[in-house]
Every structure is written in structure tokens, then in C-alpha cells.
């Protein structure tokens, strides 16, 4: 073979290899840069998120340990109690705002994937999930209705349970267009019977069990209605984003792109803002001393508290040597977290 041809082939091969290696190294560098950029964003927001989560955690600890008299149904609306209620709602919205801020700033980074900084993402997602996810409540309602009318619940798979939960919601809201679930109690007896019949027929069909007679439905209809009318407050993901958007403001020439409004501005906006007002329902007329299935908000507040401590712990690792929360403070908050986790077992 011609020596010049061999040299040309070798040179081309070496050039191609160098080009590939250069592309690979450049890709690794960009990936590292993106990961560092994401880390820097988390780090710049970690302190305010920790502060917001800690502030809410102390308030929820107070509510859970001392029943939060200012949240009770018969609480007098004096100046102090009103402030405590308002500030509790503000602390929740404040944290939602900071989380929204870090998420929006992330949107400016190209190439971010979910497997980067997974512990932080998981902790934030867990907090958002306990605010938004009520699927376990729908499953519980399904189970109680089956017990009430003697259907074999064990025949229902987990996937069917979730599907039935959605269908039950659809039936209920067909009878109460205002979307306020507890208003099923205001329906006429015939409407209640018709609604429960539709629900039980749905369950019977999916589980291949006998249809329940309407006369039997009517006998226990008020108990069934109590199950459907459980008090709840799910702040869905899109609602959280909407609340967060109302809570943040954009900064110019600052280390962070966003900040969160203060209590004074919050109070001005709240009276006219439908999204911020949605957070009120989590705490209004809340009696944490009565933890049963008819007010799901009590267990929800406990799970929110647990998620807050997990979020604080994970973010504290992000800021490395800087102190976001005192060691003794975190230990005190963690003690209640452990107690609540043991209750759930």
C-alpha cells in the first residue's frame, strides 16, 4: 500500500479520534457546569427555604402539641388569634413561594435532568405531594362504603381502587356543581340515595358483585354521606404554582433572581387573591385533638410537618459549613417528627 495513503488514513483516524475525545470531554465539562450551576441555585435558595420551612415547622409543632386554640372552630376572632391564624397561613404560602422561586430559576438552566441533586428534588416533591395528594383518602372512603354495604373489598386491586376513587369523585361532583364536597350533606334525601346508589353500583360492577337494592342504600344513606363529606384541603400542584407566582417578586442585579413578599404585602394581596385564599382552608376550624378520618386535614398537617423536617435536613447538607438552622433547634423539631412517624406505623 502506498506510504502516503497510509499516512493519510492514520492522520484522518487520529484526527477523528481527537475530535471525538474533544467532544466527549466538552460534554463532560458542560454536564459538570450545569450540575454546578444547579447546585449553586440550590445553595443560594437553601437558606431562605430552610428559614421558611423552620418557621412553619415551629408553628405546626405548636399547633400539634398544644392544639392551636386560634385555629379551633369556636376560637374568638380577637386581634391576637386573628394574627396567629393569618401568620400560620402566611408561613405556608411563604415556603410555597420560595420553592416556586427556585423552580422558576431552574427553568433557565438547559439540560437539567431529574437525576441531578435527587435528594433535594425528592424532599421538595415530598412536601408538595402531602399538600396535593388525596388519593389515599379516596381509597379510604371506598373501603368504608364497602364495609357499610357489605361488599367484598378484598376483591378490589390497588389499580382499580385508584380508578374507582376518581370515578366516585366524578359522580359526587355531578350532584354538587359547586365542587365543595362537604355540601353533599345539603342534598335532599332522594338525591343522596340516588348518588350513593350510583357509587355502589359502580363498585359492584367493577368487582362483579350483586347490585345493592335502593331500599338498603336508603337505610344507611346518612352514614354513607358522612363518609363522602370528610373535611379535606388539597392544594394541588398547579394551585401551589399559582400561589407561588403570587408570592414571589423578581429582583434586579442580585445573587438570586427572585425574592418572596413580606407579611404586610401578603395581607394586602390575600383579600383579593383566590389562589392565596386556598391555603386558608387547611387551617380554618381545625381541631388537631380529634384525629379521625372525618377531618383528613389533621393527618395531613402531621405529614406536612414530617416533610418539613426532611426538607430542612436535606437542604442543610447543601449549604455545607454554613448554618441554616441551629443543631439544637433541628434536634427539637426532629423529636416530634419521630413521634409522628411512629404513630403512622
Protein backbone atom coordinates (compact mmCIF):
# COMPACT_ATOMS: atom_id res chain seq x y z
CA UNK A 1 0.00 0.00 0.00
CA UNK A 2 1.19 3.48 -0.80
CA UNK A 3 3.00 5.00 2.19
CA UNK A 4 1.36 8.39 1.61
CA UNK A 5 -2.09 6.78 1.61
CA UNK A 6 -1.30 5.00 4.88
CA UNK A 7 -0.14 8.27 6.43
CA UNK A 8 -3.29 9.99 5.22
CA UNK A 9 -5.51 7.24 6.72
CA UNK A 10 -3.63 7.30 10.03
CA UNK A 11 -3.79 11.09 10.19
CA UNK A 12 -7.51 11.05 9.46
CA UNK A 13 -8.06 8.38 12.13
CA UNK A 14 -6.05 10.31 14.69
CA UNK A 15 -7.92 13.49 13.82
CA UNK A 16 -11.28 11.78 14.16
CA UNK A 17 -10.25 10.26 17.49
CA UNK A 18 -9.05 13.63 18.78
CA UNK A 19 -12.32 15.22 17.63
CA UNK A 20 -14.38 12.54 19.40
CA UNK A 21 -12.33 12.84 22.58
CA UNK A 22 -12.69 16.63 22.45
CA UNK A 23 -16.48 16.33 22.06
CA UNK A 24 -16.64 13.82 24.93
CA UNK A 25 -14.54 15.97 27.26
CA UNK A 26 -16.52 19.05 26.28
CA UNK A 27 -19.75 17.19 27.02
CA UNK A 28 -18.46 16.16 30.46
CA UNK A 29 -17.40 19.73 31.17
CA UNK A 30 -20.81 21.12 30.18
CA UNK A 31 -22.56 18.49 32.26
CA UNK A 32 -20.36 19.36 35.22
CA UNK A 33 -21.01 23.07 34.66
CA UNK A 34 -24.78 22.52 34.54
CA UNK A 35 -24.67 20.43 37.69
CA UNK A 36 -22.57 23.08 39.43
CA UNK A 37 -24.96 25.80 38.24
CA UNK A 38 -27.92 23.86 39.57
CA UNK A 39 -26.08 23.28 42.85
CA UNK A 40 -25.32 27.00 43.13
CA UNK A 41 -29.01 27.82 42.65
CA UNK A 42 -30.00 25.33 45.32
CA UNK A 43 -27.32 26.76 47.59
CA UNK A 44 -28.43 30.36 47.07
CA UNK A 45 -32.03 29.41 47.87
CA UNK A 46 -31.28 26.88 50.59
CA UNK A 47 -31.01 29.37 53.45
CA UNK A 48 -34.31 31.17 52.76
CA UNK A 49 -36.10 27.85 52.15
CA UNK A 50 -34.68 26.43 55.38
CA UNK A 51 -35.73 29.58 57.25
CA UNK A 52 -39.24 29.40 55.77
CA UNK A 53 -39.58 25.68 56.46
CA UNK A 54 -38.28 26.11 60.00
CA UNK A 55 -40.71 28.96 60.69
CA UNK A 56 -43.65 26.85 59.50
CA UNK A 57 -42.38 23.80 61.37
CA UNK A 58 -42.25 25.64 64.72
CA UNK A 59 -45.79 26.90 64.16
CA UNK A 60 -47.10 23.43 63.26
CA UNK A 61 -45.28 21.96 66.23
CA UNK A 62 -47.09 24.46 68.43
CA UNK A 63 -50.41 23.54 66.82
CA UNK A 64 -49.86 19.78 67.12
CA UNK A 65 -48.55 19.84 70.68
CA UNK A 66 -50.90 22.48 72.13
CA UNK A 67 -53.94 22.12 69.84
CA UNK A 68 -53.64 25.61 68.29
CA UNK A 69 -56.53 27.34 70.06
CA UNK A 70 -56.53 30.07 67.41
CA UNK A 71 -57.49 27.50 64.75
CA UNK A 72 -60.40 25.88 66.61
CA UNK A 73 -63.97 26.24 65.29
CA UNK A 74 -65.06 28.28 68.34
CA UNK A 75 -61.89 30.41 68.55
CA UNK A 76 -62.70 34.07 69.32
CA UNK A 77 -61.54 36.31 66.49
CA UNK A 78 -59.68 38.78 68.70
CA UNK A 79 -56.64 40.60 67.39
CA UNK A 80 -54.10 38.07 68.66
CA UNK A 81 -55.94 34.97 67.45
CA UNK A 82 -56.53 36.55 64.05
CA UNK A 83 -52.83 37.37 63.77
CA UNK A 84 -51.87 33.79 64.68
CA UNK A 85 -54.21 32.37 62.07
CA UNK A 86 -53.07 34.82 59.39
CA UNK A 87 -49.40 34.25 60.14
CA UNK A 88 -49.85 30.47 60.01
CA UNK A 89 -51.32 30.76 56.51
CA UNK A 90 -48.55 33.21 55.57
CA UNK A 91 -45.80 30.85 56.69
CA UNK A 92 -47.19 28.11 54.46
CA UNK A 93 -47.52 30.45 51.45
CA UNK A 94 -44.08 31.90 52.20
CA UNK A 95 -42.47 28.47 51.84
CA UNK A 96 -44.51 27.67 48.73
CA UNK A 97 -43.23 30.96 47.31
CA UNK A 98 -39.57 30.11 47.90
CA UNK A 99 -39.99 26.68 46.37
CA UNK A 100 -41.65 28.24 43.33
CA UNK A 101 -38.77 30.71 43.08
CA UNK A 102 -36.10 28.01 42.94
CA UNK A 103 -38.14 26.04 40.41
CA UNK A 104 -38.54 29.05 38.14
CA UNK A 105 -34.84 29.87 38.33
CA UNK A 106 -34.07 26.26 37.40
CA UNK A 107 -36.09 26.73 34.22
CA UNK A 108 -33.30 28.98 32.94
CA UNK A 109 -30.77 26.13 33.05
CA UNK A 110 -30.53 23.99 29.92
CA UNK A 111 -30.01 20.26 30.20
CA UNK A 112 -31.10 19.76 33.81
CA UNK A 113 -32.27 16.20 34.43
CA UNK A 114 -34.23 14.73 37.34
CA UNK A 115 -31.32 12.55 38.46
CA UNK A 116 -29.22 15.57 39.42
CA UNK A 117 -29.35 16.57 43.09
CA UNK A 118 -32.01 13.86 43.60
CA UNK A 119 -32.21 14.15 47.40
CA UNK A 120 -33.20 17.81 47.20
CA UNK A 121 -35.72 17.18 44.45
CA UNK A 122 -37.20 14.27 46.40
CA UNK A 123 -37.55 16.34 49.59
CA UNK A 124 -39.26 19.21 47.75
CA UNK A 125 -41.51 16.78 45.90
CA UNK A 126 -42.50 15.08 49.18
CA UNK A 127 -43.60 18.40 50.66
CA UNK A 128 -45.61 19.27 47.55
CA UNK A 129 -47.14 15.80 47.48
CA UNK A 130 -48.55 15.92 51.02
CA UNK A 131 -50.18 19.26 50.19
CA UNK A 132 -51.69 17.98 46.95
CA UNK A 133 -52.29 14.25 47.08
CA UNK A 134 -55.57 12.94 48.48
CA UNK A 135 -55.70 9.59 46.69
CA UNK A 136 -55.33 7.68 49.97
CA UNK A 137 -58.43 9.46 51.30
CA UNK A 138 -60.47 8.42 48.26
CA UNK A 139 -59.31 4.84 48.80
CA UNK A 140 -60.34 5.06 52.47
CA UNK A 141 -63.81 6.33 51.51
CA UNK A 142 -64.13 3.42 49.09
CA UNK A 143 -63.17 0.94 51.80
CA UNK A 144 -65.65 2.36 54.33
CA UNK A 145 -68.51 2.32 51.80
CA UNK A 146 -67.75 -1.33 51.03
CA UNK A 147 -67.86 -2.21 54.72
CA UNK A 148 -71.07 -0.25 55.20
CA UNK A 149 -72.94 -2.10 52.46
CA UNK A 150 -71.29 -5.50 52.80
CA UNK A 151 -69.25 -5.63 49.60
CA UNK A 152 -66.08 -7.73 49.44
CA UNK A 153 -63.33 -5.11 49.48
CA UNK A 154 -60.55 -7.69 49.12
CA UNK A 155 -61.57 -8.28 45.52
CA UNK A 156 -60.52 -4.75 44.56
CA UNK A 157 -56.93 -4.37 43.30
CA UNK A 158 -54.89 -1.24 44.06
CA UNK A 159 -55.16 -0.03 40.47
CA UNK A 160 -58.95 -0.48 40.50
CA UNK A 161 -59.17 1.33 43.86
CA UNK A 162 -57.49 4.41 42.42
CA UNK A 163 -59.65 4.30 39.31
CA UNK A 164 -62.82 3.96 41.38
CA UNK A 165 -61.71 6.85 43.58
CA UNK A 166 -61.62 9.13 40.53
CA UNK A 167 -64.99 7.86 39.30
CA UNK A 168 -66.58 8.37 42.73
CA UNK A 169 -65.38 11.97 42.67
CA UNK A 170 -66.96 12.43 39.25
CA UNK A 171 -70.31 11.11 40.49
CA UNK A 172 -70.26 13.25 43.63
CA UNK A 173 -69.44 16.46 41.78
CA UNK A 174 -72.23 15.68 39.34
CA UNK A 175 -74.61 16.23 42.25
CA UNK A 176 -72.79 19.25 43.74
CA UNK A 177 -71.60 21.53 40.91
CA UNK A 178 -70.00 23.99 43.33
CA UNK A 179 -67.19 21.43 43.88
CA UNK A 180 -67.44 21.74 47.68
CA UNK A 181 -67.58 18.11 48.68
CA UNK A 182 -68.97 18.58 52.19
CA UNK A 183 -72.08 20.12 50.61
CA UNK A 184 -73.36 16.60 49.92
CA UNK A 185 -74.94 16.93 53.36
CA UNK A 186 -77.24 19.64 51.96
CA UNK A 187 -78.77 17.38 49.30
CA UNK A 188 -82.34 16.11 49.59
CA UNK A 189 -82.76 12.52 50.80
CA UNK A 190 -83.76 11.28 47.33
CA UNK A 191 -80.67 12.93 45.80
CA UNK A 192 -78.43 11.40 48.47
CA UNK A 193 -79.91 7.95 47.81
CA UNK A 194 -79.50 8.34 44.06
CA UNK A 195 -75.89 9.44 44.42
CA UNK A 196 -74.91 6.64 46.80
CA UNK A 197 -76.73 4.12 44.59
CA UNK A 198 -74.70 5.28 41.59
CA UNK A 199 -71.48 4.91 43.58
CA UNK A 200 -72.29 1.46 44.96
CA UNK A 201 -73.46 0.24 41.53
CA UNK A 202 -70.12 1.37 40.12
CA UNK A 203 -68.22 -0.57 42.78
CA UNK A 204 -70.41 -3.66 42.33
CA UNK A 205 -69.88 -3.67 38.56
CA UNK A 206 -66.08 -3.37 38.86
CA UNK A 207 -65.90 -6.16 41.43
CA UNK A 208 -68.58 -8.39 39.85
CA UNK A 209 -70.76 -8.38 42.95
CA UNK A 210 -74.51 -8.11 43.29
CA UNK A 211 -76.17 -4.71 42.89
CA UNK A 212 -77.43 -3.34 46.21
CA UNK A 213 -81.13 -2.61 46.45
CA UNK A 214 -82.08 1.06 46.77
CA UNK A 215 -84.08 0.33 49.93
CA UNK A 216 -80.89 -0.92 51.60
CA UNK A 217 -78.97 2.09 50.29
CA UNK A 218 -81.53 4.43 51.82
CA UNK A 219 -81.34 2.75 55.25
CA UNK A 220 -77.70 3.76 55.68
CA UNK A 221 -77.53 6.74 53.37
CA UNK A 222 -76.74 9.30 56.09
CA UNK A 223 -73.74 7.26 57.27
CA UNK A 224 -72.54 6.98 53.66
CA UNK A 225 -72.92 10.73 53.22
CA UNK A 226 -70.78 11.34 56.32
CA UNK A 227 -68.02 9.30 54.68
CA UNK A 228 -68.19 11.38 51.49
CA UNK A 229 -68.38 14.69 53.37
CA UNK A 230 -64.99 14.35 55.05
CA UNK A 231 -63.24 17.66 55.65
CA UNK A 232 -60.16 18.00 53.45
CA UNK A 233 -57.94 20.60 51.84
CA UNK A 234 -55.81 19.51 48.94
CA UNK A 235 -53.64 22.26 47.49
CA UNK A 236 -52.99 20.76 44.07
CA UNK A 237 -49.66 21.17 42.26
CA UNK A 238 -50.98 23.77 39.82
CA UNK A 239 -52.55 25.66 42.73
CA UNK A 240 -49.21 25.59 44.54
CA UNK A 241 -47.57 27.07 41.45
CA UNK A 242 -50.26 29.75 41.28
CA UNK A 243 -49.79 30.60 44.98
CA UNK A 244 -46.03 30.67 44.48
CA UNK A 245 -46.35 33.01 41.50
CA UNK A 246 -48.39 35.40 43.64
CA UNK A 247 -45.85 35.25 46.46
CA UNK A 248 -42.64 35.95 44.52
CA UNK A 249 -41.18 39.10 43.04
CA UNK A 250 -38.32 39.47 40.59
CA UNK A 251 -35.05 41.10 41.64
CA UNK A 252 -32.65 43.10 39.54
CA UNK A 253 -28.86 42.72 39.72
CA UNK A 254 -28.99 40.37 42.71
CA UNK A 255 -27.45 36.99 43.51
CA UNK A 256 -30.88 35.43 43.21
CA UNK A 257 -33.47 36.22 40.56
CA UNK A 258 -36.42 36.06 42.98
CA UNK A 259 -37.48 37.09 46.45
CA UNK A 260 -40.74 36.47 48.37
CA UNK A 261 -43.15 39.15 49.59
CA UNK A 262 -43.37 40.06 53.27
CA UNK A 263 -46.31 39.68 55.65
CA UNK A 264 -47.63 43.20 55.07
CA UNK A 265 -47.83 42.79 51.29
CA UNK A 266 -49.26 39.29 51.76
CA UNK A 267 -52.15 40.67 53.83
CA UNK A 268 -52.88 43.29 51.17
CA UNK A 269 -52.99 40.75 48.35
CA UNK A 270 -54.73 37.95 50.21
CA UNK A 271 -58.19 39.53 50.49
CA UNK A 272 -58.49 39.75 46.71
CA UNK A 273 -56.48 36.72 45.60
CA UNK A 274 -58.32 33.43 45.06
CA UNK A 275 -55.12 31.37 44.95
CA UNK A 276 -53.66 32.58 48.23
CA UNK A 277 -57.07 32.16 49.89
CA UNK A 278 -57.00 28.44 49.09
CA UNK A 279 -54.37 27.97 51.79
CA UNK A 280 -56.82 29.28 54.44
CA UNK A 281 -58.90 26.10 54.18
CA UNK A 282 -56.08 23.94 55.51
CA UNK A 283 -56.20 25.66 58.90
CA UNK A 284 -59.72 27.11 59.22
CA UNK A 285 -61.74 25.47 62.04
CA UNK A 286 -59.03 22.87 62.59
CA UNK A 287 -59.08 20.80 65.79
CA UNK A 288 -55.97 18.61 65.84
CA UNK A 289 -57.09 16.91 69.06
CA UNK A 290 -59.67 14.98 67.01
CA UNK A 291 -57.65 12.85 64.61
CA UNK A 292 -60.12 10.73 62.69
CA UNK A 293 -60.99 10.02 59.10
CA UNK A 294 -63.71 12.69 59.01
CA UNK A 295 -61.20 15.55 59.03
CA UNK A 296 -58.28 14.43 56.91
CA UNK A 297 -56.52 17.75 57.47
CA UNK A 298 -55.26 16.59 60.88
CA UNK A 299 -53.22 13.72 59.44
CA UNK A 300 -52.26 15.98 56.53
CA UNK A 301 -50.79 18.61 58.87
CA UNK A 302 -48.80 15.85 60.61
CA UNK A 303 -47.43 14.63 57.29
CA UNK A 304 -46.61 18.20 56.26
CA UNK A 305 -44.61 18.58 59.48
CA UNK A 306 -42.65 15.38 58.78
CA UNK A 307 -41.88 16.54 55.23
CA UNK A 308 -40.67 19.92 56.53
CA UNK A 309 -38.07 18.35 58.81
CA UNK A 310 -36.87 16.13 55.97
CA UNK A 311 -36.58 19.16 53.70
CA UNK A 312 -34.64 21.15 56.30
CA UNK A 313 -32.28 18.23 56.92
CA UNK A 314 -31.52 17.67 53.22
CA UNK A 315 -31.00 21.37 52.45
CA UNK A 316 -28.77 21.81 55.50
CA UNK A 317 -26.36 19.39 53.84
CA UNK A 318 -26.35 21.56 50.71
CA UNK A 319 -25.03 24.70 52.37
CA UNK A 320 -22.12 22.69 53.79
CA UNK A 321 -20.32 24.63 56.54
CA UNK A 322 -22.87 27.45 56.74
CA UNK A 323 -25.53 27.17 59.43
CA UNK A 324 -29.12 27.33 58.22
CA UNK A 325 -30.70 26.05 61.44
CA UNK A 326 -29.21 25.50 64.87
CA UNK A 327 -28.34 21.93 65.78
CA UNK A 328 -30.40 22.08 68.95
CA UNK A 329 -33.38 23.52 67.06
CA UNK A 330 -33.29 20.74 64.48
CA UNK A 331 -32.98 18.12 67.22
CA UNK A 332 -36.07 19.50 68.98
CA UNK A 333 -38.09 19.56 65.77
CA UNK A 334 -36.91 16.05 64.88
CA UNK A 335 -38.16 14.64 68.19
CA UNK A 336 -41.77 15.36 67.24
CA UNK A 337 -41.14 14.10 63.69
CA UNK A 338 -40.06 10.73 65.12
CA UNK A 339 -43.17 10.57 67.31
CA UNK A 340 -45.45 11.29 64.37
CA UNK A 341 -43.72 8.68 62.22
CA UNK A 342 -44.22 6.09 64.94
CA UNK A 343 -47.93 6.99 65.09
CA UNK A 344 -48.26 6.22 61.39
CA UNK A 345 -46.85 2.69 61.76
